[in-house]
């Protein structure tokens, strides 16, 4: 165990010495990787900070049923009870809007009051507003229910904003795909940068590696410093990326604060929690070590 510890300590020391021996190259690699990593960190910051706001935004669609003009006043309540009984599993809420109440609401608006004052009778029908429960197939369920409700007695028109639902599902799907593409792009940048760095180090240390093999050094002993080199590159770049992201949030929060103040609210962006950041550092270090392992295996076959 002590021998293994000494070997790892030696490999770590060699990796640090190699990083320090080429400061410009090392800083360039750190800068490229850290800026790339800062992008998903900022994206995660936006998503994490927006979650409390999104929770207060209703995403379930509303279906409005307009009853026939000649329907009695109590018909709306009867239809609402039918909806609750037969389709209660898909319904989050049912609201009956009487024609007189709807007219009063319109007359209370300055842009409508003058036009409605000339009417001799109420032209509005009774309406039932149905809010649907959230569902993985929200658009399909909403369209199916709308088609069924059009056949109900006393129902004249059913209005469903299915285009809005489709757009919402398309946007969410696009965001999920975009995040995966972003993650893959960042991983490729880390792999390519570390691979090239270790390749150059392996070619530079070509003679040293050959001599070490001649005196009996094992392959794990030869490759271990390069693995530490890759892991350190990923770890240091990850820490710098968190710092860059924190600095970028300062002007972003100032602009967001001015924007939010115009809506009478407060909103700010913050970094993800410490656990998520620590996990990301570990993942980046492992990914960089794997890239270093791949590179040193391909470039030390001599």
C-alpha atoms as a PDB file:
ATOM      1  CA  UNK A   1       0.000   0.000   0.000  1.00  0.00           C
ATOM      2  CA  UNK A   2       2.814   2.403   0.883  1.00  0.00           C
ATOM      3  CA  UNK A   3       4.549   1.566  -2.367  1.00  0.00           C
ATOM      4  CA  UNK A   4       1.391   2.282  -4.356  1.00  0.00           C
ATOM      5  CA  UNK A   5       0.950   5.559  -2.520  1.00  0.00           C
ATOM      6  CA  UNK A   6       4.533   6.578  -3.376  1.00  0.00           C
ATOM      7  CA  UNK A   7       3.944   5.752  -7.022  1.00  0.00           C
ATOM      8  CA  UNK A   8       0.817   7.895  -7.184  1.00  0.00           C
ATOM      9  CA  UNK A   9       2.559  10.704  -5.320  1.00  0.00           C
ATOM     10  CA  UNK A  10       5.406  10.539  -7.823  1.00  0.00           C
ATOM     11  CA  UNK A  11       2.973  10.564 -10.768  1.00  0.00           C
ATOM     12  CA  UNK A  12       1.142  13.577  -9.341  1.00  0.00           C
ATOM     13  CA  UNK A  13       4.415  15.417  -8.790  1.00  0.00           C
ATOM     14  CA  UNK A  14       5.530  14.712 -12.351  1.00  0.00           C
ATOM     15  CA  UNK A  15       2.183  15.909 -13.735  1.00  0.00           C
ATOM     16  CA  UNK A  16       2.391  19.172 -11.785  1.00  0.00           C
ATOM     17  CA  UNK A  17       5.970  19.687 -12.927  1.00  0.00           C
ATOM     18  CA  UNK A  18       4.989  19.167 -16.550  1.00  0.00           C
ATOM     19  CA  UNK A  19       2.154  21.675 -16.239  1.00  0.00           C
ATOM     20  CA  UNK A  20       4.514  24.220 -14.703  1.00  0.00           C
ATOM     21  CA  UNK A  21       7.227  23.616 -17.302  1.00  0.00           C
ATOM     22  CA  UNK A  22       4.953  24.908 -20.082  1.00  0.00           C
ATOM     23  CA  UNK A  23       2.924  27.700 -18.464  1.00  0.00           C
ATOM     24  CA  UNK A  24       1.697  29.330 -21.679  1.00  0.00           C
ATOM     25  CA  UNK A  25       0.440  26.056 -23.153  1.00  0.00           C
ATOM     26  CA  UNK A  26      -1.158  25.034 -19.858  1.00  0.00           C
ATOM     27  CA  UNK A  27      -2.911  28.378 -19.399  1.00  0.00           C
ATOM     28  CA  UNK A  28      -4.167  28.259 -22.976  1.00  0.00           C
ATOM     29  CA  UNK A  29      -5.688  24.827 -22.407  1.00  0.00           C
ATOM     30  CA  UNK A  30      -7.213  25.933 -19.113  1.00  0.00           C
ATOM     31  CA  UNK A  31      -8.687  29.006 -20.785  1.00  0.00           C
ATOM     32  CA  UNK A  32     -10.229  27.113 -23.717  1.00  0.00           C
ATOM     33  CA  UNK A  33     -11.742  24.344 -21.592  1.00  0.00           C
ATOM     34  CA  UNK A  34     -12.966  26.657 -18.829  1.00  0.00           C
ATOM     35  CA  UNK A  35     -14.738  29.007 -21.233  1.00  0.00           C
ATOM     36  CA  UNK A  36     -16.411  26.019 -22.863  1.00  0.00           C
ATOM     37  CA  UNK A  37     -17.480  24.622 -19.498  1.00  0.00           C
ATOM     38  CA  UNK A  38     -18.799  28.020 -18.393  1.00  0.00           C
ATOM     39  CA  UNK A  39     -21.544  27.864 -21.031  1.00  0.00           C
ATOM     40  CA  UNK A  40     -23.430  24.865 -19.565  1.00  0.00           C
ATOM     41  CA  UNK A  41     -22.845  26.223 -16.057  1.00  0.00           C
ATOM     42  CA  UNK A  42     -24.540  29.488 -17.023  1.00  0.00           C
ATOM     43  CA  UNK A  43     -27.339  27.516 -18.696  1.00  0.00           C
ATOM     44  CA  UNK A  44     -27.834  25.467 -15.545  1.00  0.00           C
ATOM     45  CA  UNK A  45     -27.846  28.688 -13.520  1.00  0.00           C
ATOM     46  CA  UNK A  46     -30.650  30.111 -15.632  1.00  0.00           C
ATOM     47  CA  UNK A  47     -32.701  26.908 -15.432  1.00  0.00           C
ATOM     48  CA  UNK A  48     -32.220  26.569 -11.669  1.00  0.00           C
ATOM     49  CA  UNK A  49     -33.112  30.208 -11.048  1.00  0.00           C
ATOM     50  CA  UNK A  50     -36.166  30.106 -13.293  1.00  0.00           C
ATOM     51  CA  UNK A  51     -37.717  27.015 -11.702  1.00  0.00           C
ATOM     52  CA  UNK A  52     -39.498  28.958  -8.913  1.00  0.00           C
ATOM     53  CA  UNK A  53     -40.943  31.306 -11.532  1.00  0.00           C
ATOM     54  CA  UNK A  54     -42.015  28.516 -13.867  1.00  0.00           C
ATOM     55  CA  UNK A  55     -43.893  26.784 -11.050  1.00  0.00           C
ATOM     56  CA  UNK A  56     -46.289  29.758 -10.933  1.00  0.00           C
ATOM     57  CA  UNK A  57     -46.958  29.727 -14.677  1.00  0.00           C
ATOM     58  CA  UNK A  58     -49.959  27.614 -15.631  1.00  0.00           C
ATOM     59  CA  UNK A  59     -49.062  25.212 -18.422  1.00  0.00           C
ATOM     60  CA  UNK A  60     -52.299  23.237 -18.547  1.00  0.00           C
ATOM     61  CA  UNK A  61     -54.526  24.294 -21.444  1.00  0.00           C
ATOM     62  CA  UNK A  62     -58.043  25.575 -21.023  1.00  0.00           C
ATOM     63  CA  UNK A  63     -60.966  24.396 -23.122  1.00  0.00           C
ATOM     64  CA  UNK A  64     -63.912  26.780 -23.341  1.00  0.00           C
ATOM     65  CA  UNK A  65     -67.397  25.454 -24.073  1.00  0.00           C
ATOM     66  CA  UNK A  66     -69.877  28.048 -25.363  1.00  0.00           C
ATOM     67  CA  UNK A  67     -73.476  26.986 -24.900  1.00  0.00           C
ATOM     68  CA  UNK A  68     -76.325  27.687 -27.264  1.00  0.00           C
ATOM     69  CA  UNK A  69     -78.008  31.067 -26.934  1.00  0.00           C
ATOM     70  CA  UNK A  70     -81.434  29.570 -26.245  1.00  0.00           C
ATOM     71  CA  UNK A  71     -80.144  27.346 -23.410  1.00  0.00           C
ATOM     72  CA  UNK A  72     -81.644  27.976 -19.963  1.00  0.00           C
ATOM     73  CA  UNK A  73     -79.627  29.458 -17.134  1.00  0.00           C
ATOM     74  CA  UNK A  74     -79.334  26.150 -15.281  1.00  0.00           C
ATOM     75  CA  UNK A  75     -78.068  24.234 -18.338  1.00  0.00           C
ATOM     76  CA  UNK A  76     -74.491  25.423 -17.759  1.00  0.00           C
ATOM     77  CA  UNK A  77     -74.418  23.894 -14.283  1.00  0.00           C
ATOM     78  CA  UNK A  78     -75.844  20.633 -15.646  1.00  0.00           C
ATOM     79  CA  UNK A  79     -73.202  20.429 -18.370  1.00  0.00           C
ATOM     80  CA  UNK A  80     -70.450  21.254 -15.842  1.00  0.00           C
ATOM     81  CA  UNK A  81     -71.628  18.425 -13.586  1.00  0.00           C
ATOM     82  CA  UNK A  82     -71.602  16.056 -16.561  1.00  0.00           C
ATOM     83  CA  UNK A  83     -68.024  17.002 -17.362  1.00  0.00           C
ATOM     84  CA  UNK A  84     -66.910  16.372 -13.797  1.00  0.00           C
ATOM     85  CA  UNK A  85     -68.634  12.993 -13.633  1.00  0.00           C
ATOM     86  CA  UNK A  86     -67.550  11.565 -16.989  1.00  0.00           C
ATOM     87  CA  UNK A  87     -64.121  13.151 -17.504  1.00  0.00           C
ATOM     88  CA  UNK A  88     -63.066  13.983 -13.961  1.00  0.00           C
ATOM     89  CA  UNK A  89     -59.762  12.086 -14.348  1.00  0.00           C
ATOM     90  CA  UNK A  90     -58.576  14.583 -16.962  1.00  0.00           C
ATOM     91  CA  UNK A  91     -59.996  17.758 -15.423  1.00  0.00           C
ATOM     92  CA  UNK A  92     -58.269  19.994 -12.895  1.00  0.00           C
ATOM     93  CA  UNK A  93     -61.075  22.526 -12.582  1.00  0.00           C
ATOM     94  CA  UNK A  94     -64.380  23.658 -14.079  1.00  0.00           C
ATOM     95  CA  UNK A  95     -65.605  27.264 -14.021  1.00  0.00           C
ATOM     96  CA  UNK A  96     -69.057  28.363 -15.152  1.00  0.00           C
ATOM     97  CA  UNK A  97     -69.219  31.904 -16.551  1.00  0.00           C
ATOM     98  CA  UNK A  98     -72.755  33.233 -16.809  1.00  0.00           C
ATOM     99  CA  UNK A  99     -73.569  35.441 -19.783  1.00  0.00           C
ATOM    100  CA  UNK A 100     -74.510  38.373 -17.532  1.00  0.00           C
ATOM    101  CA  UNK A 101     -71.220  38.166 -15.648  1.00  0.00           C
ATOM    102  CA  UNK A 102     -69.257  38.035 -18.909  1.00  0.00           C
ATOM    103  CA  UNK A 103     -71.075  41.114 -20.193  1.00  0.00           C
ATOM    104  CA  UNK A 104     -70.378  43.024 -16.978  1.00  0.00           C
ATOM    105  CA  UNK A 105     -66.689  42.185 -17.224  1.00  0.00           C
ATOM    106  CA  UNK A 106     -66.544  43.495 -20.778  1.00  0.00           C
ATOM    107  CA  UNK A 107     -68.464  46.655 -19.903  1.00  0.00           C
ATOM    108  CA  UNK A 108     -65.993  47.370 -17.110  1.00  0.00           C
ATOM    109  CA  UNK A 109     -63.227  47.717 -19.685  1.00  0.00           C
ATOM    110  CA  UNK A 110     -62.932  51.220 -21.153  1.00  0.00           C
ATOM    111  CA  UNK A 111     -62.237  49.949 -24.664  1.00  0.00           C
ATOM    112  CA  UNK A 112     -65.505  47.951 -24.697  1.00  0.00           C
ATOM    113  CA  UNK A 113     -67.885  50.004 -22.564  1.00  0.00           C
ATOM    114  CA  UNK A 114     -68.897  52.495 -25.243  1.00  0.00           C
ATOM    115  CA  UNK A 115     -69.497  49.851 -27.928  1.00  0.00           C
ATOM    116  CA  UNK A 116     -71.547  47.611 -25.619  1.00  0.00           C
ATOM    117  CA  UNK A 117     -73.708  50.456 -24.307  1.00  0.00           C
ATOM    118  CA  UNK A 118     -75.734  50.524 -27.539  1.00  0.00           C
ATOM    119  CA  UNK A 119     -76.789  46.864 -27.240  1.00  0.00           C
ATOM    120  CA  UNK A 120     -80.384  46.195 -26.323  1.00  0.00           C
ATOM    121  CA  UNK A 121     -79.776  42.609 -25.198  1.00  0.00           C
ATOM    122  CA  UNK A 122     -76.914  40.406 -24.121  1.00  0.00           C
ATOM    123  CA  UNK A 123     -75.383  38.670 -27.171  1.00  0.00           C
ATOM    124  CA  UNK A 124     -73.011  36.521 -25.126  1.00  0.00           C
ATOM    125  CA  UNK A 125     -73.727  32.853 -24.350  1.00  0.00           C
ATOM    126  CA  UNK A 126     -73.082  31.026 -21.114  1.00  0.00           C
ATOM    127  CA  UNK A 127     -69.599  29.516 -21.069  1.00  0.00           C
ATOM    128  CA  UNK A 128     -67.769  26.771 -19.213  1.00  0.00           C
ATOM    129  CA  UNK A 129     -63.998  27.022 -18.817  1.00  0.00           C
ATOM    130  CA  UNK A 130     -62.333  23.637 -18.208  1.00  0.00           C
ATOM    131  CA  UNK A 131     -58.732  23.416 -17.036  1.00  0.00           C
ATOM    132  CA  UNK A 132     -57.056  20.108 -17.826  1.00  0.00           C
ATOM    133  CA  UNK A 133     -54.642  18.153 -15.672  1.00  0.00           C
ATOM    134  CA  UNK A 134     -51.019  17.980 -16.780  1.00  0.00           C
ATOM    135  CA  UNK A 135     -50.268  14.938 -18.901  1.00  0.00           C
ATOM    136  CA  UNK A 136     -47.300  13.603 -20.914  1.00  0.00           C
ATOM    137  CA  UNK A 137     -49.565  13.628 -23.993  1.00  0.00           C
ATOM    138  CA  UNK A 138     -51.322  16.873 -23.231  1.00  0.00           C
ATOM    139  CA  UNK A 139     -52.022  17.921 -26.819  1.00  0.00           C
ATOM    140  CA  UNK A 140     -53.558  14.587 -27.819  1.00  0.00           C
ATOM    141  CA  UNK A 141     -55.746  14.399 -24.706  1.00  0.00           C
ATOM    142  CA  UNK A 142     -56.948  17.981 -25.158  1.00  0.00           C
ATOM    143  CA  UNK A 143     -57.921  17.416 -28.784  1.00  0.00           C
ATOM    144  CA  UNK A 144     -59.719  14.155 -27.954  1.00  0.00           C
ATOM    145  CA  UNK A 145     -61.736  15.775 -25.166  1.00  0.00           C
ATOM    146  CA  UNK A 146     -62.590  18.775 -27.327  1.00  0.00           C
ATOM    147  CA  UNK A 147     -63.933  16.495 -30.057  1.00  0.00           C
ATOM    148  CA  UNK A 148     -66.064  14.566 -27.559  1.00  0.00           C
ATOM    149  CA  UNK A 149     -67.436  17.689 -25.905  1.00  0.00           C
ATOM    150  CA  UNK A 150     -68.556  19.156 -29.227  1.00  0.00           C
ATOM    151  CA  UNK A 151     -71.181  16.396 -29.368  1.00  0.00           C
ATOM    152  CA  UNK A 152     -72.693  17.252 -25.981  1.00  0.00           C
ATOM    153  CA  UNK A 153     -76.233  18.557 -25.878  1.00  0.00           C
ATOM    154  CA  UNK A 154     -76.653  22.356 -25.644  1.00  0.00           C
ATOM    155  CA  UNK A 155     -72.971  22.910 -26.574  1.00  0.00           C
ATOM    156  CA  UNK A 156     -72.610  25.243 -29.539  1.00  0.00           C
ATOM    157  CA  UNK A 157     -68.851  25.783 -29.849  1.00  0.00           C
ATOM    158  CA  UNK A 158     -65.744  24.333 -28.200  1.00  0.00           C
ATOM    159  CA  UNK A 159     -62.615  26.461 -28.284  1.00  0.00           C
ATOM    160  CA  UNK A 160     -59.212  24.855 -27.744  1.00  0.00           C
ATOM    161  CA  UNK A 161     -55.870  26.563 -28.172  1.00  0.00           C
ATOM    162  CA  UNK A 162     -54.258  23.336 -29.385  1.00  0.00           C
ATOM    163  CA  UNK A 163     -51.671  25.262 -31.377  1.00  0.00           C
ATOM    164  CA  UNK A 164     -50.388  26.768 -28.129  1.00  0.00           C
ATOM    165  CA  UNK A 165     -50.143  23.330 -26.560  1.00  0.00           C
ATOM    166  CA  UNK A 166     -48.237  21.986 -29.543  1.00  0.00           C
ATOM    167  CA  UNK A 167     -45.852  24.917 -29.478  1.00  0.00           C
ATOM    168  CA  UNK A 168     -45.257  24.409 -25.756  1.00  0.00           C
ATOM    169  CA  UNK A 169     -44.447  20.737 -26.213  1.00  0.00           C
ATOM    170  CA  UNK A 170     -42.221  21.547 -29.207  1.00  0.00           C
ATOM    171  CA  UNK A 171     -40.304  24.173 -27.220  1.00  0.00           C
ATOM    172  CA  UNK A 172     -39.757  21.827 -24.294  1.00  0.00           C
ATOM    173  CA  UNK A 173     -38.609  19.069 -26.638  1.00  0.00           C
ATOM    174  CA  UNK A 174     -36.243  21.465 -28.399  1.00  0.00           C
ATOM    175  CA  UNK A 175     -34.740  22.616 -25.110  1.00  0.00           C
ATOM    176  CA  UNK A 176     -34.086  19.030 -24.022  1.00  0.00           C
ATOM    177  CA  UNK A 177     -32.378  18.227 -27.324  1.00  0.00           C
ATOM    178  CA  UNK A 178     -30.390  21.478 -27.211  1.00  0.00           C
ATOM    179  CA  UNK A 179     -29.097  20.700 -23.725  1.00  0.00           C
ATOM    180  CA  UNK A 180     -27.962  17.238 -24.843  1.00  0.00           C
ATOM    181  CA  UNK A 181     -26.232  18.692 -27.908  1.00  0.00           C
ATOM    182  CA  UNK A 182     -24.549  21.291 -25.705  1.00  0.00           C
ATOM    183  CA  UNK A 183     -23.352  18.603 -23.289  1.00  0.00           C
ATOM    184  CA  UNK A 184     -21.958  16.490 -26.132  1.00  0.00           C
ATOM    185  CA  UNK A 185     -20.208  19.521 -27.630  1.00  0.00           C
ATOM    186  CA  UNK A 186     -18.573  20.398 -24.315  1.00  0.00           C
ATOM    187  CA  UNK A 187     -17.446  16.786 -23.839  1.00  0.00           C
ATOM    188  CA  UNK A 188     -15.869  16.749 -27.301  1.00  0.00           C
ATOM    189  CA  UNK A 189     -13.976  19.977 -26.603  1.00  0.00           C
ATOM    190  CA  UNK A 190     -12.608  18.569 -23.347  1.00  0.00           C
ATOM    191  CA  UNK A 191     -11.639  15.286 -25.019  1.00  0.00           C
ATOM    192  CA  UNK A 192      -9.943  16.958 -27.978  1.00  0.00           C
ATOM    193  CA  UNK A 193      -8.010  19.514 -25.902  1.00  0.00           C
ATOM    194  CA  UNK A 194      -6.758  17.019 -23.331  1.00  0.00           C
ATOM    195  CA  UNK A 195      -5.982  14.450 -26.035  1.00  0.00           C
ATOM    196  CA  UNK A 196      -3.816  16.938 -27.929  1.00  0.00           C
ATOM    197  CA  UNK A 197      -2.124  18.156 -24.727  1.00  0.00           C
ATOM    198  CA  UNK A 198      -1.174  14.650 -23.635  1.00  0.00           C
ATOM    199  CA  UNK A 199      -0.095  13.795 -27.165  1.00  0.00           C
ATOM    200  CA  UNK A 200       2.351  16.704 -27.224  1.00  0.00           C
ATOM    201  CA  UNK A 201       3.636  15.771 -23.775  1.00  0.00           C
ATOM    202  CA  UNK A 202       4.103  12.134 -24.818  1.00  0.00           C
ATOM    203  CA  UNK A 203       6.064  13.137 -27.922  1.00  0.00           C
ATOM    204  CA  UNK A 204       8.168  15.556 -25.879  1.00  0.00           C
ATOM    205  CA  UNK A 205       8.948  12.857 -23.313  1.00  0.00           C
ATOM    206  CA  UNK A 206       9.567  10.215 -25.984  1.00  0.00           C
ATOM    207  CA  UNK A 207      13.189   9.526 -25.056  1.00  0.00           C
ATOM    208  CA  UNK A 208      12.470   9.586 -21.314  1.00  0.00           C
ATOM    209  CA  UNK A 209       9.702   7.022 -21.746  1.00  0.00           C
ATOM    210  CA  UNK A 210      11.954   4.779 -23.844  1.00  0.00           C
ATOM    211  CA  UNK A 211      14.705   4.865 -21.207  1.00  0.00           C
ATOM    212  CA  UNK A 212      12.193   4.144 -18.434  1.00  0.00           C
ATOM    213  CA  UNK A 213      10.981   1.077 -20.293  1.00  0.00           C
ATOM    214  CA  UNK A 214      14.537  -0.151 -20.795  1.00  0.00           C
ATOM    215  CA  UNK A 215      15.224  -0.059 -17.061  1.00  0.00           C
ATOM    216  CA  UNK A 216      12.055  -2.042 -16.316  1.00  0.00           C
ATOM    217  CA  UNK A 217       9.307   0.541 -15.840  1.00  0.00           C
ATOM    218  CA  UNK A 218       5.837  -0.938 -16.276  1.00  0.00           C
ATOM    219  CA  UNK A 219       3.222   0.527 -18.607  1.00  0.00           C
ATOM    220  CA  UNK A 220       0.980   1.713 -15.719  1.00  0.00           C
ATOM    221  CA  UNK A 221       4.011   3.505 -14.214  1.00  0.00           C
ATOM    222  CA  UNK A 222       4.737   5.222 -17.536  1.00  0.00           C
ATOM    223  CA  UNK A 223       1.130   6.213 -18.212  1.00  0.00           C
ATOM    224  CA  UNK A 224       0.096   7.252 -14.709  1.00  0.00           C
ATOM    225  CA  UNK A 225       1.624  10.792 -14.832  1.00  0.00           C
ATOM    226  CA  UNK A 226      -0.256  11.485 -18.054  1.00  0.00           C
ATOM    227  CA  UNK A 227      -3.539  10.410 -16.457  1.00  0.00           C
ATOM    228  CA  UNK A 228      -2.907  12.817 -13.592  1.00  0.00           C
ATOM    229  CA  UNK A 229      -2.015  15.481 -16.148  1.00  0.00           C
ATOM    230  CA  UNK A 230      -5.381  15.052 -17.855  1.00  0.00           C
ATOM    231  CA  UNK A 231      -7.343  14.926 -14.611  1.00  0.00           C
ATOM    232  CA  UNK A 232      -5.602  18.049 -13.260  1.00  0.00           C
ATOM    233  CA  UNK A 233      -6.261  19.877 -16.506  1.00  0.00           C
ATOM    234  CA  UNK A 234      -9.958  19.059 -16.290  1.00  0.00           C
ATOM    235  CA  UNK A 235     -10.196  19.866 -12.578  1.00  0.00           C
ATOM    236  CA  UNK A 236      -8.396  23.224 -12.794  1.00  0.00           C
ATOM    237  CA  UNK A 237     -10.401  24.165 -15.889  1.00  0.00           C
ATOM    238  CA  UNK A 238     -13.616  23.291 -14.073  1.00  0.00           C
ATOM    239  CA  UNK A 239     -12.753  25.521 -11.126  1.00  0.00           C
ATOM    240  CA  UNK A 240     -11.901  28.379 -13.490  1.00  0.00           C
ATOM    241  CA  UNK A 241     -15.168  27.797 -15.363  1.00  0.00           C
ATOM    242  CA  UNK A 242     -17.130  28.235 -12.142  1.00  0.00           C
ATOM    243  CA  UNK A 243     -15.257  31.475 -11.504  1.00  0.00           C
ATOM    244  CA  UNK A 244     -15.938  32.748 -15.027  1.00  0.00           C
ATOM    245  CA  UNK A 245     -19.611  31.862 -14.689  1.00  0.00           C
ATOM    246  CA  UNK A 246     -19.828  33.699 -11.353  1.00  0.00           C
ATOM    247  CA  UNK A 247     -18.239  36.791 -12.916  1.00  0.00           C
ATOM    248  CA  UNK A 248     -20.589  36.638 -15.903  1.00  0.00           C
ATOM    249  CA  UNK A 249     -23.617  36.529 -13.589  1.00  0.00           C
ATOM    250  CA  UNK A 250     -22.748  39.965 -12.149  1.00  0.00           C
ATOM    251  CA  UNK A 251     -23.611  42.035 -15.267  1.00  0.00           C
ATOM    252  CA  UNK A 252     -26.399  39.614 -16.181  1.00  0.00           C
ATOM    253  CA  UNK A 253     -28.064  40.134 -12.805  1.00  0.00           C
ATOM    254  CA  UNK A 254     -27.778  43.899 -13.133  1.00  0.00           C
ATOM    255  CA  UNK A 255     -29.550  43.857 -16.482  1.00  0.00           C
ATOM    256  CA  UNK A 256     -32.111  41.336 -15.229  1.00  0.00           C
ATOM    257  CA  UNK A 257     -32.792  43.470 -12.165  1.00  0.00           C
ATOM    258  CA  UNK A 258     -33.607  46.479 -14.345  1.00  0.00           C
ATOM    259  CA  UNK A 259     -35.867  44.335 -16.534  1.00  0.00           C
ATOM    260  CA  UNK A 260     -37.667  42.756 -13.565  1.00  0.00           C
ATOM    261  CA  UNK A 261     -38.228  46.153 -11.932  1.00  0.00           C
ATOM    262  CA  UNK A 262     -40.316  47.242 -14.922  1.00  0.00           C
ATOM    263  CA  UNK A 263     -42.698  44.367 -14.111  1.00  0.00           C
ATOM    264  CA  UNK A 264     -42.733  45.157 -10.398  1.00  0.00           C
ATOM    265  CA  UNK A 265     -40.885  42.014  -9.361  1.00  0.00           C
ATOM    266  CA  UNK A 266     -37.430  40.829  -8.341  1.00  0.00           C
ATOM    267  CA  UNK A 267     -35.435  38.152 -10.104  1.00  0.00           C
ATOM    268  CA  UNK A 268     -31.783  37.131  -9.983  1.00  0.00           C
ATOM    269  CA  UNK A 269     -29.623  34.327 -11.300  1.00  0.00           C
ATOM    270  CA  UNK A 270     -27.422  32.185  -9.087  1.00  0.00           C
ATOM    271  CA  UNK A 271     -24.992  29.342  -9.579  1.00  0.00           C
ATOM    272  CA  UNK A 272     -26.243  25.768  -9.143  1.00  0.00           C
ATOM    273  CA  UNK A 273     -25.915  24.224  -5.687  1.00  0.00           C
ATOM    274  CA  UNK A 274     -22.515  23.152  -4.389  1.00  0.00           C
ATOM    275  CA  UNK A 275     -23.294  19.465  -4.786  1.00  0.00           C
ATOM    276  CA  UNK A 276     -24.059  19.839  -8.488  1.00  0.00           C
ATOM    277  CA  UNK A 277     -20.919  21.894  -9.055  1.00  0.00           C
ATOM    278  CA  UNK A 278     -18.771  19.344  -7.222  1.00  0.00           C
ATOM    279  CA  UNK A 279     -20.289  16.520  -9.252  1.00  0.00           C
ATOM    280  CA  UNK A 280     -19.577  18.397 -12.481  1.00  0.00           C
ATOM    281  CA  UNK A 281     -15.932  18.844 -11.451  1.00  0.00           C
ATOM    282  CA  UNK A 282     -15.609  15.112 -10.819  1.00  0.00           C
ATOM    283  CA  UNK A 283     -17.201  14.277 -14.178  1.00  0.00           C
ATOM    284  CA  UNK A 284     -14.913  16.675 -16.048  1.00  0.00           C
ATOM    285  CA  UNK A 285     -11.820  15.298 -14.275  1.00  0.00           C
ATOM    286  CA  UNK A 286     -12.807  11.712 -15.118  1.00  0.00           C
ATOM    287  CA  UNK A 287     -13.554  12.644 -18.713  1.00  0.00           C
ATOM    288  CA  UNK A 288     -10.183  14.360 -19.055  1.00  0.00           C
ATOM    289  CA  UNK A 289      -8.390  11.374 -17.487  1.00  0.00           C
ATOM    290  CA  UNK A 290     -10.095   9.018 -19.949  1.00  0.00           C
ATOM    291  CA  UNK A 291      -9.010  11.226 -22.838  1.00  0.00           C
ATOM    292  CA  UNK A 292      -5.447  11.262 -21.480  1.00  0.00           C
ATOM    293  CA  UNK A 293      -5.486   7.479 -21.169  1.00  0.00           C
ATOM    294  CA  UNK A 294      -6.598   7.160 -24.758  1.00  0.00           C
ATOM    295  CA  UNK A 295      -4.000   9.619 -26.012  1.00  0.00           C
ATOM    296  CA  UNK A 296      -1.032   8.148 -24.130  1.00  0.00           C
ATOM    297  CA  UNK A 297      -1.950   4.647 -25.283  1.00  0.00           C
ATOM    298  CA  UNK A 298      -1.967   5.729 -28.930  1.00  0.00           C
ATOM    299  CA  UNK A 299       1.116   7.931 -28.834  1.00  0.00           C
ATOM    300  CA  UNK A 300       3.589   5.871 -26.748  1.00  0.00           C
ATOM    301  CA  UNK A 301       3.747   2.827 -28.982  1.00  0.00           C
ATOM    302  CA  UNK A 302       7.412   2.981 -29.894  1.00  0.00           C
END
